[in-house]
Structures are given as C-alpha cells and as structure tokens.
C-alpha cells in the first residue's frame, strides 16, 4: 500500500537571483493535497483568514493576497466556518465567524480590501485567533491563515 503525499511547490516572482547578494524575494507556496479515497471525508474547518492591507501591500501584493483569500473561500464547504480579519494600523473583522453559506458575499468583502497605512501584524493575528476560538470545535480543524508580506512596523 503506497501513501500519497502532498505536492509542495515554491514559485518565485523572479526567474534568476543575483549571486553573493542578500535579497528579498516573494514566493507563492502551493500545497496540493494527495488524492483522497472517496469514502474518506475531510474534517470540518474553522478558519480565520487574516489579510494584511498595509501600505507595503500596495499593487501586486494586495491583488495576490485577495486572490489567495478568495481561493481559500472557494475551497471551503458549507459545513465549514470562516472569518475574515483585515489589518493595517487598525484591525477590523469584516466577516465574523460564520458557516460558509454565501461564498460570493464573503469574496465581495475580500475584493473590497485596499492597501493603506502601517502594519499591526501581531494584534491582527491575535484577533484571527479569537475569531477561531469563539467557535472552537473539537472535531474540526481550527486554524488562522495569515496572508501578509511580513513587514510589521506596529508593536
């Protein structure tokens, strides 16, 4: 019996790198789960998407972040729960934890997110955790997914 493993891809924004020089490079990490047995059902998800909308996310970064968050919503099932937290120097819950019943409405809220201001990353991550823990379920996978460029500048 062989065990299927997930496929993990790291996709760089650049085709080439400069040798012997420190550089910052953005990557898209794509994880494709192994094919599952049709009889095996995945556990429910209780997910909080925490989306950076700070000024450093302007342009392509915020577009990709919105795209990633919307993709996550598309993968959820009706029995899953999702919340969406956005942050710059202020943290806002734009979709409180709820069953995934109206994907279009959730994605509409995500697509309205625009970059601005500075970054309160820690507070936003904590708020996402609070959204998940408010509906903590023992038989579900409870997670916070932080979508950011990692440039935090507010403590």
C-alpha atoms as a PDB file:
ATOM      1  CA  UNK A   1       0.000   0.000   0.000  1.00  0.00           C
ATOM      2  CA  UNK A   2       1.536   3.332  -1.024  1.00  0.00           C
ATOM      3  CA  UNK A   3       0.927   6.506   0.929  1.00  0.00           C
ATOM      4  CA  UNK A   4       0.061   9.548  -1.150  1.00  0.00           C
ATOM      5  CA  UNK A   5       1.917  12.686  -0.187  1.00  0.00           C
ATOM      6  CA  UNK A   6       1.008  16.317  -0.837  1.00  0.00           C
ATOM      7  CA  UNK A   7       2.797  18.147  -3.631  1.00  0.00           C
ATOM      8  CA  UNK A   8       4.568  21.314  -2.430  1.00  0.00           C
ATOM      9  CA  UNK A   9       5.656  23.948  -4.972  1.00  0.00           C
ATOM     10  CA  UNK A  10       7.603  27.164  -4.317  1.00  0.00           C
ATOM     11  CA  UNK A  11       7.026  29.643  -7.134  1.00  0.00           C
ATOM     12  CA  UNK A  12       9.313  32.692  -7.192  1.00  0.00           C
ATOM     13  CA  UNK A  13       8.483  36.084  -8.622  1.00  0.00           C
ATOM     14  CA  UNK A  14      11.925  36.020 -10.264  1.00  0.00           C
ATOM     15  CA  UNK A  15      13.441  33.555 -12.715  1.00  0.00           C
ATOM     16  CA  UNK A  16      17.017  34.370 -11.633  1.00  0.00           C
ATOM     17  CA  UNK A  17      18.790  35.567  -8.485  1.00  0.00           C
ATOM     18  CA  UNK A  18      21.939  37.632  -8.037  1.00  0.00           C
ATOM     19  CA  UNK A  19      24.798  35.583  -6.600  1.00  0.00           C
ATOM     20  CA  UNK A  20      26.515  36.598  -3.323  1.00  0.00           C
ATOM     21  CA  UNK A  21      23.977  39.313  -2.506  1.00  0.00           C
ATOM     22  CA  UNK A  22      21.291  39.415   0.165  1.00  0.00           C
ATOM     23  CA  UNK A  23      17.880  39.885  -1.433  1.00  0.00           C
ATOM     24  CA  UNK A  24      14.221  39.776  -0.535  1.00  0.00           C
ATOM     25  CA  UNK A  25      12.117  37.581  -2.795  1.00  0.00           C
ATOM     26  CA  UNK A  26       8.391  36.888  -2.698  1.00  0.00           C
ATOM     27  CA  UNK A  27       7.268  33.294  -3.174  1.00  0.00           C
ATOM     28  CA  UNK A  28       3.922  31.650  -3.709  1.00  0.00           C
ATOM     29  CA  UNK A  29       3.784  28.359  -1.852  1.00  0.00           C
ATOM     30  CA  UNK A  30       1.242  25.983  -3.372  1.00  0.00           C
ATOM     31  CA  UNK A  31       0.326  22.814  -1.495  1.00  0.00           C
ATOM     32  CA  UNK A  32      -1.775  20.299  -3.387  1.00  0.00           C
ATOM     33  CA  UNK A  33      -3.227  17.564  -1.185  1.00  0.00           C
ATOM     34  CA  UNK A  34      -2.974  13.956  -2.301  1.00  0.00           C
ATOM     35  CA  UNK A  35      -5.946  12.376  -3.999  1.00  0.00           C
ATOM     36  CA  UNK A  36      -8.265  11.085  -1.312  1.00  0.00           C
ATOM     37  CA  UNK A  37     -10.334   7.969  -1.062  1.00  0.00           C
ATOM     38  CA  UNK A  38     -13.931   8.903  -1.950  1.00  0.00           C
ATOM     39  CA  UNK A  39     -15.134   7.142   1.201  1.00  0.00           C
ATOM     40  CA  UNK A  40     -12.876   9.310   3.376  1.00  0.00           C
ATOM     41  CA  UNK A  41     -14.440  12.647   4.346  1.00  0.00           C
ATOM     42  CA  UNK A  42     -12.267  15.513   5.477  1.00  0.00           C
ATOM     43  CA  UNK A  43     -12.915  17.106   8.868  1.00  0.00           C
ATOM     44  CA  UNK A  44     -14.793  20.384   9.043  1.00  0.00           C
ATOM     45  CA  UNK A  45     -12.696  23.557   9.031  1.00  0.00           C
ATOM     46  CA  UNK A  46     -12.920  26.546  11.365  1.00  0.00           C
ATOM     47  CA  UNK A  47     -10.709  29.079   9.580  1.00  0.00           C
ATOM     48  CA  UNK A  48      -9.861  32.734  10.054  1.00  0.00           C
ATOM     49  CA  UNK A  49      -8.278  34.497   7.083  1.00  0.00           C
ATOM     50  CA  UNK A  50      -6.148  37.389   8.375  1.00  0.00           C
ATOM     51  CA  UNK A  51      -5.318  39.709   5.477  1.00  0.00           C
ATOM     52  CA  UNK A  52      -2.645  42.427   5.520  1.00  0.00           C
ATOM     53  CA  UNK A  53      -3.856  45.656   3.901  1.00  0.00           C
ATOM     54  CA  UNK A  54      -0.954  47.873   4.999  1.00  0.00           C
ATOM     55  CA  UNK A  55       0.764  50.305   2.640  1.00  0.00           C
ATOM     56  CA  UNK A  56       3.589  47.853   1.890  1.00  0.00           C
ATOM     57  CA  UNK A  57       0.981  45.572   0.294  1.00  0.00           C
ATOM     58  CA  UNK A  58       0.123  48.150  -2.405  1.00  0.00           C
ATOM     59  CA  UNK A  59      -0.174  46.941  -6.001  1.00  0.00           C
ATOM     60  CA  UNK A  60       0.543  43.340  -6.952  1.00  0.00           C
ATOM     61  CA  UNK A  61       0.897  42.127  -3.337  1.00  0.00           C
ATOM     62  CA  UNK A  62      -2.626  43.122  -2.262  1.00  0.00           C
ATOM     63  CA  UNK A  63      -4.061  41.739  -5.508  1.00  0.00           C
ATOM     64  CA  UNK A  64      -2.356  38.378  -4.884  1.00  0.00           C
ATOM     65  CA  UNK A  65      -3.404  38.400  -1.222  1.00  0.00           C
ATOM     66  CA  UNK A  66      -7.060  38.981  -2.172  1.00  0.00           C
ATOM     67  CA  UNK A  67      -6.764  36.251  -4.802  1.00  0.00           C
ATOM     68  CA  UNK A  68      -5.331  33.793  -2.241  1.00  0.00           C
ATOM     69  CA  UNK A  69      -8.051  34.580   0.303  1.00  0.00           C
ATOM     70  CA  UNK A  70     -10.817  34.210  -2.304  1.00  0.00           C
ATOM     71  CA  UNK A  71      -9.294  30.901  -3.428  1.00  0.00           C
ATOM     72  CA  UNK A  72      -9.416  29.661   0.169  1.00  0.00           C
ATOM     73  CA  UNK A  73     -13.094  30.586   0.412  1.00  0.00           C
ATOM     74  CA  UNK A  74     -13.809  28.699  -2.821  1.00  0.00           C
ATOM     75  CA  UNK A  75     -12.284  25.527  -1.338  1.00  0.00           C
ATOM     76  CA  UNK A  76     -14.493  25.586   1.769  1.00  0.00           C
ATOM     77  CA  UNK A  77     -17.661  23.543   2.179  1.00  0.00           C
ATOM     78  CA  UNK A  78     -20.991  24.767   3.572  1.00  0.00           C
ATOM     79  CA  UNK A  79     -20.393  22.994   6.909  1.00  0.00           C
ATOM     80  CA  UNK A  80     -17.060  24.816   7.397  1.00  0.00           C
ATOM     81  CA  UNK A  81     -16.755  28.121   9.279  1.00  0.00           C
ATOM     82  CA  UNK A  82     -14.784  31.165   8.120  1.00  0.00           C
ATOM     83  CA  UNK A  83     -13.990  34.654   9.368  1.00  0.00           C
ATOM     84  CA  UNK A  84     -12.006  37.412   7.666  1.00  0.00           C
ATOM     85  CA  UNK A  85      -9.859  39.893   9.591  1.00  0.00           C
ATOM     86  CA  UNK A  86      -8.090  42.749   7.799  1.00  0.00           C
ATOM     87  CA  UNK A  87      -5.372  44.906   9.240  1.00  0.00           C
ATOM     88  CA  UNK A  88      -3.105  47.872   8.770  1.00  0.00           C
ATOM     89  CA  UNK A  89      -2.580  50.103  11.840  1.00  0.00           C
ATOM     90  CA  UNK A  90      -6.202  49.176  12.687  1.00  0.00           C
ATOM     91  CA  UNK A  91      -7.683  45.700  12.877  1.00  0.00           C
ATOM     92  CA  UNK A  92     -11.205  45.020  11.574  1.00  0.00           C
ATOM     93  CA  UNK A  93     -13.294  41.872  11.425  1.00  0.00           C
ATOM     94  CA  UNK A  94     -15.042  42.225   8.052  1.00  0.00           C
ATOM     95  CA  UNK A  95     -16.592  38.745   8.164  1.00  0.00           C
ATOM     96  CA  UNK A  96     -17.326  37.437  11.684  1.00  0.00           C
ATOM     97  CA  UNK A  97     -17.001  33.672  12.150  1.00  0.00           C
ATOM     98  CA  UNK A  98     -19.876  32.057  10.275  1.00  0.00           C
ATOM     99  CA  UNK A  99     -20.807  28.969   8.276  1.00  0.00           C
ATOM    100  CA  UNK A 100     -19.709  29.195   4.637  1.00  0.00           C
ATOM    101  CA  UNK A 101     -23.182  29.635   3.169  1.00  0.00           C
ATOM    102  CA  UNK A 102     -22.649  32.593   0.829  1.00  0.00           C
ATOM    103  CA  UNK A 103     -19.199  32.437  -0.764  1.00  0.00           C
ATOM    104  CA  UNK A 104     -19.973  35.289  -3.160  1.00  0.00           C
ATOM    105  CA  UNK A 105     -20.756  37.714  -0.315  1.00  0.00           C
ATOM    106  CA  UNK A 106     -17.587  36.735   1.586  1.00  0.00           C
ATOM    107  CA  UNK A 107     -15.433  37.153  -1.531  1.00  0.00           C
ATOM    108  CA  UNK A 108     -17.089  40.504  -2.265  1.00  0.00           C
ATOM    109  CA  UNK A 109     -15.911  41.755   1.161  1.00  0.00           C
ATOM    110  CA  UNK A 110     -12.391  40.422   0.455  1.00  0.00           C
ATOM    111  CA  UNK A 111     -12.254  42.027  -3.005  1.00  0.00           C
ATOM    112  CA  UNK A 112     -13.062  45.440  -1.491  1.00  0.00           C
ATOM    113  CA  UNK A 113      -9.870  45.403   0.628  1.00  0.00           C
ATOM    114  CA  UNK A 114      -7.338  48.086  -0.367  1.00  0.00           C
ATOM    115  CA  UNK A 115      -3.808  48.780   0.908  1.00  0.00           C
ATOM    116  CA  UNK A 116      -3.157  51.712   3.281  1.00  0.00           C
ATOM    117  CA  UNK A 117      -1.267  52.820   6.431  1.00  0.00           C
ATOM    118  CA  UNK A 118       1.185  50.838   8.622  1.00  0.00           C
ATOM    119  CA  UNK A 119       1.125  47.245   9.909  1.00  0.00           C
ATOM    120  CA  UNK A 120      -0.218  45.938  13.255  1.00  0.00           C
ATOM    121  CA  UNK A 121       0.547  42.306  12.459  1.00  0.00           C
ATOM    122  CA  UNK A 122       0.549  40.851  15.976  1.00  0.00           C
ATOM    123  CA  UNK A 123      -2.810  42.310  17.001  1.00  0.00           C
ATOM    124  CA  UNK A 124      -4.379  41.089  13.747  1.00  0.00           C
ATOM    125  CA  UNK A 125      -3.075  37.548  14.191  1.00  0.00           C
ATOM    126  CA  UNK A 126      -4.445  37.515  17.758  1.00  0.00           C
ATOM    127  CA  UNK A 127      -7.847  38.784  16.550  1.00  0.00           C
ATOM    128  CA  UNK A 128      -7.974  35.985  13.968  1.00  0.00           C
ATOM    129  CA  UNK A 129      -7.216  33.507  16.744  1.00  0.00           C
ATOM    130  CA  UNK A 130     -10.039  34.941  18.831  1.00  0.00           C
ATOM    131  CA  UNK A 131     -12.458  34.514  15.907  1.00  0.00           C
ATOM    132  CA  UNK A 132     -11.453  30.856  15.586  1.00  0.00           C
ATOM    133  CA  UNK A 133     -11.556  30.210  19.339  1.00  0.00           C
ATOM    134  CA  UNK A 134     -15.027  31.762  19.636  1.00  0.00           C
ATOM    135  CA  UNK A 135     -16.313  28.785  17.640  1.00  0.00           C
ATOM    136  CA  UNK A 136     -13.679  26.220  18.657  1.00  0.00           C
ATOM    137  CA  UNK A 137     -14.787  22.756  17.672  1.00  0.00           C
ATOM    138  CA  UNK A 138     -13.109  19.562  18.828  1.00  0.00           C
ATOM    139  CA  UNK A 139     -13.964  17.606  15.682  1.00  0.00           C
ATOM    140  CA  UNK A 140     -12.858  20.368  13.292  1.00  0.00           C
ATOM    141  CA  UNK A 141      -9.512  21.689  12.152  1.00  0.00           C
ATOM    142  CA  UNK A 142      -9.196  25.120  13.819  1.00  0.00           C
ATOM    143  CA  UNK A 143      -6.659  27.411  12.119  1.00  0.00           C
ATOM    144  CA  UNK A 144      -5.635  31.008  11.422  1.00  0.00           C
ATOM    145  CA  UNK A 145      -4.192  31.731   7.974  1.00  0.00           C
ATOM    146  CA  UNK A 146      -2.110  34.913   7.935  1.00  0.00           C
ATOM    147  CA  UNK A 147      -1.713  36.465   4.460  1.00  0.00           C
ATOM    148  CA  UNK A 148       0.992  39.156   4.624  1.00  0.00           C
ATOM    149  CA  UNK A 149       4.307  40.340   3.248  1.00  0.00           C
ATOM    150  CA  UNK A 150       5.621  40.153   6.841  1.00  0.00           C
ATOM    151  CA  UNK A 151       6.655  43.810   7.082  1.00  0.00           C
ATOM    152  CA  UNK A 152       5.320  44.576  10.584  1.00  0.00           C
ATOM    153  CA  UNK A 153       6.001  48.065  11.913  1.00  0.00           C
ATOM    154  CA  UNK A 154       3.475  48.489  14.752  1.00  0.00           C
ATOM    155  CA  UNK A 155       4.008  46.634  18.035  1.00  0.00           C
END
